[in-house]
């Protein structure tokens, strides 16, 4: 991976946060980022993309996923970079990650509540 760093600005204008990210990591995972940073767009020249409708937490989650995917693919000797034609645009991926995280948290909470309820109902009455 090259060490070419670009900036992703996330959050609304009043509370925006700049996150430095490896350009190659984003470009390998998303046709959107590849086109923005490697095409003839102002983002390529400025080395900056603003995502005002994405929170810092959400984008960090996306980056964590990207790094995990990259790590997993480097562990496999057959493929080092996923086929970008089958990857979803970055915004959709981020949205799906957030939904999956929320679903997991909700599921864990529901399981915990169910276990607590079952333990309370099944507990001996102290006779």
C-alpha atoms as a PDB file:
ATOM      1  CA  UNK A   1       0.000   0.000   0.000  1.00  0.00           C
ATOM      2  CA  UNK A   2       1.319   3.435  -0.838  1.00  0.00           C
ATOM      3  CA  UNK A   3       1.492   6.039   1.883  1.00  0.00           C
ATOM      4  CA  UNK A   4      -0.383   8.698  -0.088  1.00  0.00           C
ATOM      5  CA  UNK A   5      -2.677  10.350   2.481  1.00  0.00           C
ATOM      6  CA  UNK A   6      -5.910  12.166   1.666  1.00  0.00           C
ATOM      7  CA  UNK A   7      -8.375  13.908   3.956  1.00  0.00           C
ATOM      8  CA  UNK A   8     -11.985  12.957   4.521  1.00  0.00           C
ATOM      9  CA  UNK A   9     -13.975  15.721   6.228  1.00  0.00           C
ATOM     10  CA  UNK A  10     -16.989  14.303   8.045  1.00  0.00           C
ATOM     11  CA  UNK A  11     -19.849  15.925   9.918  1.00  0.00           C
ATOM     12  CA  UNK A  12     -21.771  19.120   9.334  1.00  0.00           C
ATOM     13  CA  UNK A  13     -19.866  22.348   8.688  1.00  0.00           C
ATOM     14  CA  UNK A  14     -20.097  23.575  12.297  1.00  0.00           C
ATOM     15  CA  UNK A  15     -18.566  20.423  13.800  1.00  0.00           C
ATOM     16  CA  UNK A  16     -16.618  18.916  10.896  1.00  0.00           C
ATOM     17  CA  UNK A  17     -13.670  16.630  11.604  1.00  0.00           C
ATOM     18  CA  UNK A  18     -10.799  15.973   9.207  1.00  0.00           C
ATOM     19  CA  UNK A  19      -9.627  12.357   9.086  1.00  0.00           C
ATOM     20  CA  UNK A  20      -6.388  11.415   7.298  1.00  0.00           C
ATOM     21  CA  UNK A  21      -6.786   8.190   5.311  1.00  0.00           C
ATOM     22  CA  UNK A  22      -4.648   6.199   2.878  1.00  0.00           C
ATOM     23  CA  UNK A  23      -5.909   7.039  -0.618  1.00  0.00           C
ATOM     24  CA  UNK A  24      -5.186   3.524  -1.878  1.00  0.00           C
ATOM     25  CA  UNK A  25      -7.296   1.961   0.882  1.00  0.00           C
ATOM     26  CA  UNK A  26     -10.326   4.022  -0.127  1.00  0.00           C
ATOM     27  CA  UNK A  27      -9.741   3.693  -3.869  1.00  0.00           C
ATOM     28  CA  UNK A  28      -9.375  -0.092  -3.721  1.00  0.00           C
ATOM     29  CA  UNK A  29     -12.662  -0.445  -1.860  1.00  0.00           C
ATOM     30  CA  UNK A  30     -14.882   2.064  -3.597  1.00  0.00           C
ATOM     31  CA  UNK A  31     -15.369   3.239  -7.190  1.00  0.00           C
ATOM     32  CA  UNK A  32     -16.651   6.541  -5.750  1.00  0.00           C
ATOM     33  CA  UNK A  33     -13.413   7.289  -3.905  1.00  0.00           C
ATOM     34  CA  UNK A  34     -11.284   5.986  -6.782  1.00  0.00           C
ATOM     35  CA  UNK A  35     -12.997   8.300  -9.264  1.00  0.00           C
ATOM     36  CA  UNK A  36     -12.851  11.271  -6.891  1.00  0.00           C
ATOM     37  CA  UNK A  37      -9.155  10.929  -6.048  1.00  0.00           C
ATOM     38  CA  UNK A  38      -7.797   9.550  -9.310  1.00  0.00           C
ATOM     39  CA  UNK A  39      -9.995  11.372 -11.803  1.00  0.00           C
ATOM     40  CA  UNK A  40     -10.004  14.943 -13.025  1.00  0.00           C
ATOM     41  CA  UNK A  41     -12.091  16.209 -10.129  1.00  0.00           C
ATOM     42  CA  UNK A  42     -11.286  18.984  -7.639  1.00  0.00           C
ATOM     43  CA  UNK A  43     -11.106  16.327  -4.885  1.00  0.00           C
ATOM     44  CA  UNK A  44      -8.063  14.805  -6.611  1.00  0.00           C
ATOM     45  CA  UNK A  45      -6.324  18.172  -6.714  1.00  0.00           C
ATOM     46  CA  UNK A  46      -7.330  19.262  -3.198  1.00  0.00           C
ATOM     47  CA  UNK A  47      -6.935  15.718  -1.803  1.00  0.00           C
ATOM     48  CA  UNK A  48     -10.094  16.326   0.242  1.00  0.00           C
ATOM     49  CA  UNK A  49     -13.621  14.933   0.192  1.00  0.00           C
ATOM     50  CA  UNK A  50     -16.343  16.384   2.393  1.00  0.00           C
ATOM     51  CA  UNK A  51     -19.058  14.020   3.630  1.00  0.00           C
ATOM     52  CA  UNK A  52     -21.266  16.352   5.652  1.00  0.00           C
ATOM     53  CA  UNK A  53     -24.019  13.763   6.091  1.00  0.00           C
ATOM     54  CA  UNK A  54     -21.684  11.150   7.641  1.00  0.00           C
ATOM     55  CA  UNK A  55     -20.674  11.304  11.305  1.00  0.00           C
ATOM     56  CA  UNK A  56     -17.125  10.821  12.545  1.00  0.00           C
ATOM     57  CA  UNK A  57     -18.174   7.661  14.382  1.00  0.00           C
ATOM     58  CA  UNK A  58     -19.818   6.191  11.284  1.00  0.00           C
ATOM     59  CA  UNK A  59     -16.824   6.886   9.057  1.00  0.00           C
ATOM     60  CA  UNK A  60     -14.419   5.428  11.632  1.00  0.00           C
ATOM     61  CA  UNK A  61     -16.572   2.297  11.642  1.00  0.00           C
ATOM     62  CA  UNK A  62     -16.284   2.197   7.847  1.00  0.00           C
ATOM     63  CA  UNK A  63     -12.484   2.573   8.100  1.00  0.00           C
ATOM     64  CA  UNK A  64     -12.309  -0.228  10.657  1.00  0.00           C
ATOM     65  CA  UNK A  65     -14.228  -2.447   8.261  1.00  0.00           C
ATOM     66  CA  UNK A  66     -11.928  -1.460   5.364  1.00  0.00           C
ATOM     67  CA  UNK A  67      -8.815  -2.275   7.364  1.00  0.00           C
ATOM     68  CA  UNK A  68     -10.300  -5.616   8.438  1.00  0.00           C
ATOM     69  CA  UNK A  69     -11.132  -6.457   4.821  1.00  0.00           C
ATOM     70  CA  UNK A  70      -7.619  -5.506   3.744  1.00  0.00           C
ATOM     71  CA  UNK A  71      -6.084  -7.589   6.533  1.00  0.00           C
ATOM     72  CA  UNK A  72      -8.250 -10.561   5.645  1.00  0.00           C
ATOM     73  CA  UNK A  73      -7.377 -10.320   1.955  1.00  0.00           C
ATOM     74  CA  UNK A  74      -3.637 -10.085   2.673  1.00  0.00           C
ATOM     75  CA  UNK A  75      -3.891 -13.241   4.779  1.00  0.00           C
ATOM     76  CA  UNK A  76      -5.232 -15.042   1.704  1.00  0.00           C
ATOM     77  CA  UNK A  77      -2.526 -15.583  -0.882  1.00  0.00           C
ATOM     78  CA  UNK A  78      -4.983 -15.721  -3.770  1.00  0.00           C
ATOM     79  CA  UNK A  79      -6.455 -12.213  -3.600  1.00  0.00           C
ATOM     80  CA  UNK A  80      -4.987  -9.042  -2.196  1.00  0.00           C
ATOM     81  CA  UNK A  81      -7.612  -6.495  -3.238  1.00  0.00           C
ATOM     82  CA  UNK A  82     -11.354  -7.156  -3.528  1.00  0.00           C
ATOM     83  CA  UNK A  83     -12.930  -6.782  -6.945  1.00  0.00           C
ATOM     84  CA  UNK A  84     -14.195  -3.195  -6.911  1.00  0.00           C
ATOM     85  CA  UNK A  85     -16.931  -3.957  -9.459  1.00  0.00           C
ATOM     86  CA  UNK A  86     -18.878  -5.905  -6.858  1.00  0.00           C
ATOM     87  CA  UNK A  87     -18.407  -3.448  -3.994  1.00  0.00           C
ATOM     88  CA  UNK A  88     -21.135  -1.000  -3.143  1.00  0.00           C
ATOM     89  CA  UNK A  89     -20.565   2.762  -3.151  1.00  0.00           C
ATOM     90  CA  UNK A  90     -19.051   3.994   0.112  1.00  0.00           C
ATOM     91  CA  UNK A  91     -22.231   5.628   1.439  1.00  0.00           C
ATOM     92  CA  UNK A  92     -24.241   2.426   1.058  1.00  0.00           C
ATOM     93  CA  UNK A  93     -21.504   0.377   2.726  1.00  0.00           C
ATOM     94  CA  UNK A  94     -21.354   2.801   5.655  1.00  0.00           C
ATOM     95  CA  UNK A  95     -25.140   2.725   5.998  1.00  0.00           C
ATOM     96  CA  UNK A  96     -25.189  -1.079   5.978  1.00  0.00           C
ATOM     97  CA  UNK A  97     -22.411  -1.232   8.570  1.00  0.00           C
ATOM     98  CA  UNK A  98     -24.271   1.120  10.874  1.00  0.00           C
ATOM     99  CA  UNK A  99     -27.501  -0.849  10.445  1.00  0.00           C
ATOM    100  CA  UNK A 100     -25.674  -4.120  11.159  1.00  0.00           C
ATOM    101  CA  UNK A 101     -24.053  -2.626  14.253  1.00  0.00           C
ATOM    102  CA  UNK A 102     -27.369  -1.304  15.535  1.00  0.00           C
ATOM    103  CA  UNK A 103     -29.040  -4.627  14.768  1.00  0.00           C
ATOM    104  CA  UNK A 104     -26.307  -6.483  16.664  1.00  0.00           C
ATOM    105  CA  UNK A 105     -26.630  -4.154  19.650  1.00  0.00           C
ATOM    106  CA  UNK A 106     -30.415  -4.514  19.608  1.00  0.00           C
ATOM    107  CA  UNK A 107     -30.154  -8.303  19.347  1.00  0.00           C
ATOM    108  CA  UNK A 108     -27.702  -8.480  22.243  1.00  0.00           C
ATOM    109  CA  UNK A 109     -29.987  -6.271  24.347  1.00  0.00           C
ATOM    110  CA  UNK A 110     -33.000  -8.424  23.512  1.00  0.00           C
ATOM    111  CA  UNK A 111     -31.117 -11.624  24.391  1.00  0.00           C
ATOM    112  CA  UNK A 112     -29.982 -10.106  27.685  1.00  0.00           C
ATOM    113  CA  UNK A 113     -33.541  -9.057  28.556  1.00  0.00           C
ATOM    114  CA  UNK A 114     -34.871 -12.506  27.603  1.00  0.00           C
ATOM    115  CA  UNK A 115     -32.246 -14.274  29.717  1.00  0.00           C
ATOM    116  CA  UNK A 116     -32.945 -12.020  32.693  1.00  0.00           C
ATOM    117  CA  UNK A 117     -36.675 -12.609  32.339  1.00  0.00           C
ATOM    118  CA  UNK A 118     -36.239 -16.372  32.025  1.00  0.00           C
ATOM    119  CA  UNK A 119     -33.899 -16.477  35.024  1.00  0.00           C
ATOM    120  CA  UNK A 120     -36.402 -14.492  37.084  1.00  0.00           C
ATOM    121  CA  UNK A 121     -39.319 -16.721  36.079  1.00  0.00           C
ATOM    122  CA  UNK A 122     -37.329 -19.968  36.523  1.00  0.00           C
ATOM    123  CA  UNK A 123     -35.731 -18.996  39.839  1.00  0.00           C
ATOM    124  CA  UNK A 124     -36.926 -20.964  42.879  1.00  0.00           C
ATOM    125  CA  UNK A 125     -39.294 -19.020  45.111  1.00  0.00           C
ATOM    126  CA  UNK A 126     -37.107 -19.562  48.164  1.00  0.00           C
ATOM    127  CA  UNK A 127     -39.231 -22.282  49.814  1.00  0.00           C
END
